[in-house]
Protein backbone atom coordinates (compact mmCIF):
# COMPACT_ATOMS: atom_id res chain seq x y z
CA MET A 1 49.95 -14.50 124.98
CA LEU A 2 47.28 -16.88 123.40
CA ARG A 3 45.90 -14.04 121.29
CA ALA A 4 49.27 -13.27 119.88
CA LEU A 5 49.85 -17.08 119.05
CA VAL A 6 46.53 -17.18 117.22
CA ILE A 7 47.34 -14.00 115.23
CA LEU A 8 50.71 -15.44 114.43
CA LEU A 9 49.21 -18.71 113.09
CA PHE A 10 46.77 -16.66 110.91
CA VAL A 11 49.64 -14.68 109.35
CA ALA A 12 51.57 -17.77 108.57
CA ASN A 13 48.64 -19.54 106.97
CA VAL A 14 47.94 -16.39 104.65
CA LEU A 15 51.57 -16.39 103.69
CA ALA A 16 51.61 -20.00 102.93
CA LEU A 17 48.52 -19.72 100.76
CA ALA A 18 49.91 -16.63 98.79
CA TRP A 19 53.15 -18.41 98.28
CA HIS A 20 51.25 -21.66 97.01
CA GLN A 21 49.22 -19.49 94.56
CA GLY A 22 52.32 -17.77 93.29
CA TRP A 23 51.26 -14.44 94.38
CA ILE A 24 54.59 -13.52 96.14
CA SER A 25 56.88 -15.95 94.22
CA PRO A 26 59.95 -14.21 92.84
CA GLY A 27 59.69 -13.38 89.31
CA ALA A 28 56.01 -15.01 88.83
CA PRO A 29 53.82 -13.35 86.42
CA PRO A 30 50.49 -11.94 87.76
CA VAL A 31 47.67 -14.56 87.75
CA SER A 32 44.70 -13.71 85.47
CA ARG A 33 41.37 -15.08 84.99
CA LEU A 34 42.18 -16.41 81.32
CA SER A 35 45.20 -18.26 82.47
CA LEU A 36 42.98 -20.05 85.07
CA GLN A 37 40.77 -21.27 82.21
CA VAL A 38 40.86 -25.05 81.29
CA HIS A 39 41.25 -24.27 77.59
CA PRO A 40 41.55 -20.55 77.14
CA GLU A 41 42.81 -20.89 73.67
CA GLN A 42 39.31 -22.11 72.53
CA MET A 43 37.64 -18.86 73.57
CA LYS A 44 36.84 -16.35 70.95
CA LEU A 45 34.72 -13.33 70.48
CA LEU A 46 31.54 -13.66 68.49
CA GLY A 47 30.66 -11.28 65.70
CA GLN A 48 27.19 -9.68 65.18
CA GLN A 49 26.19 -12.46 62.86
CA ALA A 50 26.90 -15.20 65.24
CA VAL A 51 25.17 -13.38 68.09
CA THR A 52 22.04 -13.06 65.83
CA GLN A 53 22.12 -16.74 65.07
CA LEU A 54 22.42 -17.63 68.72
CA ALA A 55 19.22 -15.58 69.40
CA THR A 56 17.29 -17.37 66.83
CA GLN A 57 15.27 -20.05 68.18
CA ALA A 58 13.46 -22.79 65.93
CA CYS A 59 11.54 -25.80 66.54
CA VAL A 60 11.65 -28.59 64.01
CA ASP A 61 9.87 -32.03 63.75
CA ILE A 62 11.71 -34.78 61.82
CA GLY A 63 9.64 -37.72 60.63
CA PRO A 64 7.62 -39.62 60.99
CA LEU A 65 10.28 -42.19 60.77
CA ASP A 66 9.30 -45.85 60.01
CA GLY A 67 11.12 -48.55 62.07
CA GLU A 68 13.99 -48.79 64.34
CA ASP A 69 16.44 -48.64 61.47
CA ALA A 70 15.29 -45.20 60.29
CA LEU A 71 15.37 -43.96 63.76
CA ARG A 72 18.98 -45.24 64.37
CA ARG A 73 20.19 -43.65 60.95
CA THR A 74 18.66 -40.38 61.64
CA THR A 75 20.00 -40.02 65.27
CA ALA A 76 23.49 -41.04 63.98
CA ALA A 77 23.22 -38.24 61.32
CA LEU A 78 22.20 -35.73 63.94
CA THR A 79 25.05 -36.82 66.21
CA LYS A 80 27.54 -36.54 63.42
CA ALA A 81 26.34 -33.05 62.50
CA GLY A 82 27.23 -31.81 66.12
CA LEU A 83 23.71 -31.90 67.38
CA PRO A 84 23.67 -33.45 71.06
CA SER A 85 21.09 -36.03 72.02
CA SER A 86 19.61 -33.49 74.43
CA ALA A 87 18.54 -31.50 71.44
CA TRP A 88 15.78 -33.68 70.47
CA GLN A 89 12.67 -35.70 71.75
CA ALA A 90 11.43 -38.95 70.53
CA GLN A 91 7.59 -39.39 70.10
CA THR A 92 6.92 -42.94 69.13
CA THR A 93 3.24 -44.25 68.32
CA THR A 94 2.29 -47.71 66.89
CA VAL A 95 0.35 -47.36 63.60
CA GLY A 96 -1.25 -49.47 60.99
CA GLY A 97 -1.80 -53.21 61.77
CA SER A 98 -5.04 -55.22 61.20
CA TRP A 99 -6.42 -58.15 62.95
CA ALA A 100 -9.28 -60.36 62.34
CA LEU A 101 -11.88 -62.62 64.22
CA ALA A 102 -11.50 -65.73 62.28
CA THR A 103 -12.27 -69.39 62.43
CA ILE A 104 -9.49 -71.88 63.15
CA LYS A 105 -7.94 -73.44 59.85
CA MET A 106 -10.56 -75.84 58.74
CA PRO A 107 -9.52 -79.42 58.39
CA ASN A 108 -11.65 -80.22 55.27
CA LYS A 109 -14.61 -78.98 53.08
CA GLU A 110 -17.21 -80.78 55.13
CA PHE A 111 -16.35 -78.93 58.31
CA GLN A 112 -16.24 -75.59 56.28
CA ALA A 113 -19.68 -76.21 55.00
CA ARG A 114 -21.18 -76.82 58.58
CA LYS A 115 -19.41 -73.56 59.68
CA GLU A 116 -20.73 -71.71 56.80
CA GLU A 117 -24.34 -73.08 57.45
CA THR A 118 -23.97 -72.11 61.12
CA TYR A 119 -23.02 -68.49 60.49
CA ARG A 120 -25.69 -68.08 57.86
CA SER A 121 -28.47 -69.30 60.10
CA ALA A 122 -27.34 -66.85 62.87
CA ARG A 123 -27.19 -64.11 60.17
CA ILE A 124 -23.37 -63.61 61.11
CA ASN A 125 -21.40 -62.27 58.12
CA PHE A 126 -18.34 -63.79 56.96
CA GLU A 127 -15.85 -64.09 54.10
CA PRO A 128 -12.94 -66.39 52.82
CA LEU A 129 -9.52 -65.34 54.14
CA THR A 130 -7.30 -64.18 51.04
CA GLY A 131 -3.66 -63.65 50.69
CA MET A 132 -2.44 -66.16 53.50
CA PRO A 133 -2.08 -69.40 51.89
CA ASP A 134 -0.70 -71.24 54.91
CA GLU A 135 -4.08 -70.30 56.99
CA GLN A 136 -6.39 -71.74 54.08
CA PRO A 137 -9.10 -72.51 54.45
CA THR A 138 -10.30 -69.82 56.92
CA LEU A 139 -13.34 -67.62 57.43
CA VAL A 140 -13.22 -64.04 58.47
CA LEU A 141 -16.05 -62.90 60.55
CA SER A 142 -14.76 -59.25 61.30
CA ARG A 143 -11.82 -56.91 60.93
CA HIS A 144 -10.37 -54.67 63.45
CA ASP A 145 -7.70 -52.03 63.83
CA SER A 146 -6.38 -53.27 67.02
CA GLU A 147 -5.72 -56.68 68.59
CA ALA A 148 -7.51 -55.64 71.65
CA ALA A 149 -10.91 -54.93 69.68
CA ALA A 150 -10.27 -58.35 67.91
CA GLN A 151 -10.01 -59.98 71.25
CA ALA A 152 -13.00 -58.32 72.55
CA ALA A 153 -15.03 -59.62 69.46
CA LEU A 154 -13.72 -63.17 70.37
CA GLU A 155 -14.73 -63.01 73.75
CA GLY A 156 -18.29 -61.75 72.75
CA MET A 157 -18.65 -64.53 70.50
CA SER A 158 -17.40 -67.06 73.24
CA ARG A 159 -20.18 -65.87 75.53
CA ARG A 160 -22.56 -66.77 72.76
CA ASN A 161 -21.28 -70.25 72.81
CA TYR A 162 -19.44 -70.02 69.35
CA LYS A 163 -16.32 -72.34 69.23
CA GLY A 164 -13.51 -72.62 67.01
CA LEU A 165 -12.61 -69.05 66.62
CA ARG A 166 -9.48 -67.08 67.07
CA VAL A 167 -7.71 -63.69 66.67
CA LEU A 168 -5.70 -63.57 63.45
CA ALA A 169 -3.04 -60.95 62.82
CA LEU A 170 -3.66 -59.81 59.08
CA GLN A 171 -1.13 -57.10 58.94
CA PRO A 172 1.59 -56.43 61.83
CA ALA A 173 1.57 -52.96 63.44
CA ARG A 174 4.65 -50.80 62.77
CA GLN A 175 6.46 -48.08 64.96
CA GLN A 176 6.57 -44.65 63.88
CA THR A 177 8.78 -42.04 65.67
CA VAL A 178 9.02 -38.23 65.16
CA LEU A 179 12.00 -36.51 66.65
CA ARG A 180 11.12 -33.09 67.80
CA LEU A 181 13.97 -30.64 68.24
CA PRO A 182 11.94 -28.13 70.40
CA SER A 183 14.39 -25.33 70.70
CA ILE A 184 17.56 -25.09 68.68
CA ASP A 185 19.39 -21.85 67.96
CA GLY A 186 20.43 -20.76 64.41
CA LEU A 187 23.95 -22.21 64.77
CA GLN A 188 22.55 -25.81 65.35
CA LEU A 189 19.64 -24.96 62.66
CA ALA A 190 22.49 -24.50 60.15
CA LYS A 191 24.14 -27.76 61.20
CA LEU A 192 20.83 -29.46 60.45
CA ASP A 193 20.43 -27.82 57.09
CA GLY A 194 24.13 -28.86 56.28
CA ILE A 195 23.45 -32.52 56.46
CA ALA A 196 23.76 -34.00 53.01
CA ASN A 197 21.15 -36.47 51.94
CA PRO A 198 19.49 -36.69 55.17
CA PRO A 199 18.03 -40.16 55.95
CA TRP A 200 14.65 -38.79 56.70
CA GLY A 201 14.17 -37.37 53.34
CA GLY A 202 11.68 -34.60 53.08
CA ALA A 203 10.05 -35.56 56.40
CA ARG A 204 10.78 -32.41 58.19
CA ASN A 205 8.42 -29.79 59.37
CA SER A 206 8.51 -26.71 61.60
CA CYS A 207 6.66 -26.75 64.82
CA ASP A 208 5.82 -23.96 67.48
CA VAL A 209 8.68 -22.74 69.59
CA PRO A 210 8.07 -23.10 73.30
CA THR A 211 7.37 -19.63 75.13
CA SER A 212 10.17 -20.14 77.42
CA ALA A 213 12.71 -20.51 74.56
CA GLY A 214 11.21 -17.38 72.93
CA SER A 215 11.92 -15.46 76.17
CA ALA A 216 15.64 -16.79 75.94
CA ALA A 217 15.84 -15.72 72.47
CA ALA A 218 14.98 -12.14 73.39
CA ALA A 219 17.59 -12.02 76.08
CA ALA A 220 20.29 -13.40 73.92
CA ALA A 221 19.47 -10.87 71.14
CA SER A 222 20.19 -8.15 73.65
CA ALA A 223 23.72 -9.49 74.26
CA PRO A 224 26.76 -7.46 72.94
CA ALA A 225 28.37 -8.47 69.83
CA SER A 226 31.63 -9.09 71.69
CA ALA A 227 30.11 -11.50 74.15
CA VAL A 228 32.27 -14.65 74.87
CA SER A 229 30.27 -17.69 73.75
CA LYS A 230 30.48 -21.34 74.60
CA ALA A 231 28.62 -22.09 71.39
CA ALA A 232 32.17 -22.03 69.50
CA SER A 233 32.85 -25.67 70.75
CA ARG A 234 29.36 -26.91 69.68
């Protein structure tokens, strides 16, 4: 009796599921995979040219881009062209910049003369600071490509008991960014080529395609020309 009840409940559940899915509804059309797609009207077949473009893999470097404004305009242009942010990687470095080990701004000529005599006696090279009127008069003892190097020179002079020195920024460093698109297909490359008056100007170069991307390209090249692609929505 219990077994018969279990079988009856199972059959009832199957019938309820079939009715809910429309499999046994009177006059209901058969359910197809295409009708279950969220946007079936967006699906389309690709021709051989589009398949070939998908199989093409490229690596592109854009830049170097100077400053945040250039980077912002470039990423905006890429996004507008339909390239997703996941397509590129930002590589930012600090370039330029110049720092000096210098004296404090000297209050008068007599103070300056004493400083100059002290450095001459110790055979320490120095030169007058130029190009910064608000810091005159100042003597520059050495120039450095980084603030850390200038700070190290200051610490060295302090250990030798030289006073009245400082690290002075002569030219601020600037940020440069290279946007690398390491693996874009031919369709994305065409979108990149189609950007009119790109904000990066001519700062664009080819780079090496990663090995994994090359393997993916070979697999895509073997796909039939009638393959259904999601790339149509890119």
